[in-house]
Amino acid sequence: MPRLLENYQQLIARVDALCQTIAVALGGQITCSAGCSSCCTSITVFPVEAAAMREALNKLPAQRADEIRRHVLENADGERCPLLFQHQCLLYEARPIICRTHGLPIIYTSEGQRNSDCCPLNLTGTESPLSGTSVVDLDKLNTLLVAINSIYLSQAESSETEVRVTIAEALKRM
């Protein structure tokens, strides 16, 4: 499985580096930190992200992995992310890409228009436009993620064909 996830792991490394660069460039204007969980809602993930999360869970001690699975199943139907426990992600190192970019300034296209967004707790009092190196371009990021997911699905020996799955569905497929 690790070979199948190589492209995804490379993308994660690049996304993490980008997010770190943005956070450093914007300094104190980014208030997101450990314990901030207002963006942590129930989401869906691509099969490649689900596979990476399952792999991370499988690397944990069996008792810890079982505790996380139980917590996820007990919280699968809520509006909050089922991996959230006391405002912390139970699989933080394997969190999906969208979770890695939460809170940072983003640009995206909707109905043919370029839009920007950011956590309302960040960039308060900033009037000047941000430079292109201080935002995450979700269109480009999602294009890369879709391509990597397609490669993963074409190479994986599994029956996964869904476009996206919930985190609870992703972690119970073990």
Protein backbone atom coordinates (compact mmCIF):
# COMPACT_ATOMS: atom_id res chain seq x y z
CA MET A 1 0.00 0.00 0.00
CA PRO A 2 2.72 2.59 0.75
CA ARG A 3 3.82 2.59 -2.92
CA LEU A 4 0.22 3.29 -3.96
CA LEU A 5 0.16 6.31 -1.69
CA GLU A 6 3.51 7.74 -2.80
CA ASN A 7 1.97 10.44 -5.04
CA TYR A 8 -0.46 11.41 -2.30
CA GLN A 9 2.31 11.59 0.32
CA GLN A 10 4.32 13.85 -2.00
CA LEU A 11 1.31 16.12 -2.43
CA ILE A 12 0.82 16.23 1.35
CA ALA A 13 4.45 17.26 1.81
CA ARG A 14 4.05 20.07 -0.73
CA VAL A 15 0.74 21.24 0.79
CA ASP A 16 2.26 21.24 4.29
CA ALA A 17 5.23 23.26 3.03
CA LEU A 18 2.90 25.75 1.30
CA CYS A 19 0.73 26.11 4.40
CA GLN A 20 3.80 26.64 6.59
CA THR A 21 5.13 29.29 4.20
CA ILE A 22 1.79 31.11 4.23
CA ALA A 23 1.50 30.92 8.02
CA VAL A 24 5.03 32.34 8.43
CA ALA A 25 4.43 35.09 5.86
CA LEU A 26 1.20 36.17 7.54
CA GLY A 27 2.60 35.77 11.04
CA GLY A 28 0.27 36.86 13.82
CA GLN A 29 -2.56 37.41 11.36
CA ILE A 30 -3.20 33.64 11.43
CA THR A 31 -4.73 32.72 14.78
CA CYS A 32 -5.37 29.04 14.06
CA SER A 33 -3.54 26.79 16.50
CA ALA A 34 -3.90 23.56 18.44
CA GLY A 35 -7.31 23.45 20.05
CA CYS A 36 -9.00 25.65 17.44
CA SER A 37 -11.63 23.40 15.92
CA SER A 38 -14.31 25.72 14.57
CA CYS A 39 -13.58 24.55 11.00
CA CYS A 40 -13.74 20.86 11.92
CA THR A 41 -17.02 19.78 10.38
CA SER A 42 -18.06 16.43 9.00
CA ILE A 43 -16.51 16.14 5.53
CA THR A 44 -16.03 13.58 2.79
CA VAL A 45 -12.68 12.46 1.43
CA PHE A 46 -11.37 10.88 -1.76
CA PRO A 47 -10.53 7.16 -1.67
CA VAL A 48 -6.78 7.95 -1.73
CA GLU A 49 -7.21 10.10 1.38
CA ALA A 50 -9.27 7.36 3.01
CA ALA A 51 -6.52 4.83 2.26
CA ALA A 52 -3.88 7.11 3.80
CA MET A 53 -6.01 7.54 6.91
CA ARG A 54 -6.52 3.78 7.20
CA GLU A 55 -2.80 3.19 6.80
CA ALA A 56 -2.04 5.68 9.57
CA LEU A 57 -4.64 4.06 11.81
CA ASN A 58 -3.16 0.61 11.13
CA LYS A 59 0.27 1.83 12.24
CA LEU A 60 -1.04 2.77 15.69
CA PRO A 61 -1.04 0.32 18.59
CA ALA A 62 -4.13 -1.91 18.26
CA GLN A 63 -5.79 -0.59 21.42
CA ARG A 64 -5.40 3.05 20.31
CA ALA A 65 -6.65 2.27 16.81
CA ASP A 66 -9.71 0.52 18.26
CA GLU A 67 -10.42 3.52 20.52
CA ILE A 68 -10.29 5.86 17.53
CA ARG A 69 -12.53 3.60 15.41
CA ARG A 70 -15.05 3.40 18.26
CA HIS A 71 -15.00 7.18 18.73
CA VAL A 72 -15.50 7.76 14.99
CA LEU A 73 -18.42 5.34 14.81
CA GLU A 74 -20.07 6.88 17.87
CA ASN A 75 -19.75 10.36 16.34
CA ALA A 76 -20.35 9.52 12.67
CA ASP A 77 -23.74 11.18 12.36
CA GLY A 78 -22.95 14.59 13.80
CA GLU A 79 -22.15 17.85 12.09
CA ARG A 80 -18.67 17.93 13.64
CA CYS A 81 -15.80 15.81 12.36
CA PRO A 82 -15.98 12.35 13.95
CA LEU A 83 -12.19 12.45 14.48
CA LEU A 84 -12.53 15.47 16.75
CA PHE A 85 -12.01 14.80 20.46
CA GLN A 86 -11.66 17.66 22.95
CA HIS A 87 -10.92 20.07 20.08
CA GLN A 88 -8.06 17.89 18.80
CA CYS A 89 -7.87 15.62 15.73
CA LEU A 90 -7.35 11.99 16.64
CA LEU A 91 -5.47 11.36 13.35
CA TYR A 92 -3.86 14.77 12.96
CA GLU A 93 -0.77 13.55 11.06
CA ALA A 94 -3.02 11.79 8.51
CA ARG A 95 -5.68 14.49 8.25
CA PRO A 96 -7.08 15.10 4.75
CA ILE A 97 -5.83 17.93 2.56
CA ILE A 98 -8.81 20.20 3.19
CA CYS A 99 -8.09 20.03 6.91
CA ARG A 100 -4.48 21.03 6.29
CA THR A 101 -5.59 24.25 4.56
CA HIS A 102 -8.40 25.22 6.96
CA GLY A 103 -8.20 28.79 8.16
CA LEU A 104 -5.69 29.96 5.58
CA PRO A 105 -6.65 32.41 2.84
CA ILE A 106 -7.98 30.55 -0.20
CA ILE A 107 -9.01 31.43 -3.73
CA TYR A 108 -11.45 29.37 -5.75
CA THR A 109 -13.80 29.60 -8.71
CA SER A 110 -17.56 29.51 -8.23
CA GLU A 111 -20.03 30.18 -11.03
CA GLY A 112 -17.20 31.48 -13.21
CA GLN A 113 -16.06 34.04 -10.63
CA ARG A 114 -12.80 33.98 -8.68
CA ASN A 115 -13.53 34.30 -4.97
CA SER A 116 -11.44 34.42 -1.84
CA ASP A 117 -12.18 33.32 1.69
CA CYS A 118 -10.47 32.90 5.02
CA CYS A 119 -11.40 31.93 8.55
CA PRO A 120 -13.13 34.99 10.05
CA LEU A 121 -10.76 34.77 13.02
CA ASN A 122 -7.75 35.30 10.74
CA LEU A 123 -6.56 38.39 8.87
CA THR A 124 -8.66 40.74 10.99
CA GLY A 125 -7.88 44.36 10.27
CA THR A 126 -6.09 43.54 7.01
CA GLU A 127 -7.20 45.86 4.25
CA SER A 128 -4.52 45.32 1.62
CA PRO A 129 -4.85 42.45 -0.84
CA LEU A 130 -2.72 39.39 -0.19
CA SER A 131 0.04 38.37 -2.56
CA GLY A 132 -0.47 35.26 -4.66
CA THR A 133 2.10 33.44 -2.54
CA SER A 134 0.01 33.98 0.59
CA VAL A 135 -3.09 32.10 -0.55
CA VAL A 136 -4.02 28.52 -1.34
CA ASP A 137 -5.46 28.10 -4.83
CA LEU A 138 -8.12 25.46 -4.18
CA ASP A 139 -8.83 24.94 -7.88
CA LYS A 140 -5.23 23.92 -8.56
CA LEU A 141 -4.99 21.88 -5.38
CA ASN A 142 -8.21 20.01 -6.11
CA THR A 143 -7.10 19.32 -9.69
CA LEU A 144 -3.94 17.68 -8.35
CA LEU A 145 -5.87 15.73 -5.74
CA VAL A 146 -8.38 14.43 -8.31
CA ALA A 147 -5.53 13.32 -10.58
CA ILE A 148 -3.72 11.56 -7.74
CA ASN A 149 -6.96 9.90 -6.66
CA SER A 150 -7.52 8.65 -10.23
CA ILE A 151 -4.04 7.17 -10.36
CA TYR A 152 -4.58 5.55 -6.97
CA LEU A 153 -7.90 4.01 -8.06
CA SER A 154 -6.39 2.69 -11.30
CA GLN A 155 -3.59 0.96 -9.41
CA ALA A 156 -5.36 -0.16 -6.23
CA GLU A 157 -6.58 -3.69 -5.99
CA SER A 158 -9.80 -2.75 -4.30
CA SER A 159 -13.44 -2.24 -5.07
CA GLU A 160 -13.33 1.45 -4.12
CA THR A 161 -15.09 3.40 -6.81
CA GLU A 162 -16.95 6.07 -4.87
CA VAL A 163 -15.98 9.60 -5.66
CA ARG A 164 -15.96 10.55 -1.97
CA VAL A 165 -16.69 8.83 1.34
CA THR A 166 -17.29 10.05 4.87
CA ILE A 167 -14.50 9.70 7.38
CA ALA A 168 -16.55 7.08 9.25
CA GLU A 169 -16.95 5.07 6.02
CA ALA A 170 -13.25 5.45 5.27
CA LEU A 171 -12.16 4.07 8.62
CA LYS A 172 -14.60 1.19 8.88
CA ARG A 173 -13.33 -0.37 5.62
CA MET A 174 -10.60 -2.30 7.31
